[in-house]
């Protein structure tokens, strides 16, 4: 009997505007990041994405 592969359905959102230097893909603050989970976890470790959707507007100083 084979156990079905489970997938992590977490969504990741950009915490700031950034461009991935390796792929040259750009991501916008607050938008969902459409990448594979491994890439999303790397972005999360770098502080570029979060599983919590940020506020609609960037804070202004």
Protein backbone atom coordinates (compact mmCIF):
# COMPACT_ATOMS: atom_id res chain seq x y z
CA UNK A 1 0.00 0.00 0.00
CA UNK A 2 1.37 3.40 -1.00
CA UNK A 3 0.85 6.45 1.17
CA UNK A 4 -0.29 9.42 -0.90
CA UNK A 5 2.12 12.31 -0.99
CA UNK A 6 0.92 15.20 1.12
CA UNK A 7 1.47 18.72 -0.06
CA UNK A 8 1.87 21.82 2.03
CA UNK A 9 -0.80 24.25 0.87
CA UNK A 10 0.65 27.25 2.69
CA UNK A 11 0.61 30.48 0.78
CA UNK A 12 3.54 32.86 0.87
CA UNK A 13 3.35 36.63 0.38
CA UNK A 14 6.15 39.05 -0.49
CA UNK A 15 7.13 41.20 2.48
CA UNK A 16 8.77 43.73 0.14
CA UNK A 17 9.38 44.29 -3.56
CA UNK A 18 12.29 42.12 -4.70
CA UNK A 19 13.84 40.38 -7.70
CA UNK A 20 15.35 36.91 -7.48
CA UNK A 21 18.91 37.34 -8.80
CA UNK A 22 19.06 33.75 -10.06
CA UNK A 23 15.79 33.65 -11.99
CA UNK A 24 15.33 37.41 -12.49
CA UNK A 25 11.67 37.02 -11.44
CA UNK A 26 10.21 40.06 -9.70
CA UNK A 27 7.78 39.98 -6.80
CA UNK A 28 5.62 42.79 -5.41
CA UNK A 29 4.95 43.60 -1.77
CA UNK A 30 1.80 41.92 -0.47
CA UNK A 31 1.26 39.72 -3.53
CA UNK A 32 1.19 35.94 -3.35
CA UNK A 33 4.50 34.42 -4.42
CA UNK A 34 4.01 31.63 -6.98
CA UNK A 35 7.10 29.44 -6.56
CA UNK A 36 7.78 25.88 -5.42
CA UNK A 37 7.83 25.27 -1.67
CA UNK A 38 11.63 24.89 -1.47
CA UNK A 39 12.15 28.28 -3.08
CA UNK A 40 9.46 29.82 -0.86
CA UNK A 41 11.19 28.45 2.25
CA UNK A 42 14.49 29.96 1.08
CA UNK A 43 12.76 33.31 0.54
CA UNK A 44 11.16 33.00 3.98
CA UNK A 45 14.56 32.36 5.61
CA UNK A 46 15.87 35.50 3.89
CA UNK A 47 12.91 37.53 5.17
CA UNK A 48 11.50 38.14 1.68
CA UNK A 49 8.20 36.30 2.15
CA UNK A 50 5.84 35.39 4.97
CA UNK A 51 2.84 33.13 5.38
CA UNK A 52 0.95 36.09 6.84
CA UNK A 53 -0.50 38.42 4.27
CA UNK A 54 0.88 41.93 4.92
CA UNK A 55 -1.23 45.05 5.09
CA UNK A 56 -2.52 46.30 1.74
CA UNK A 57 -0.26 49.35 1.74
CA UNK A 58 3.38 49.76 2.67
CA UNK A 59 3.99 51.85 5.73
CA UNK A 60 5.34 55.28 4.88
CA UNK A 61 7.96 57.01 6.97
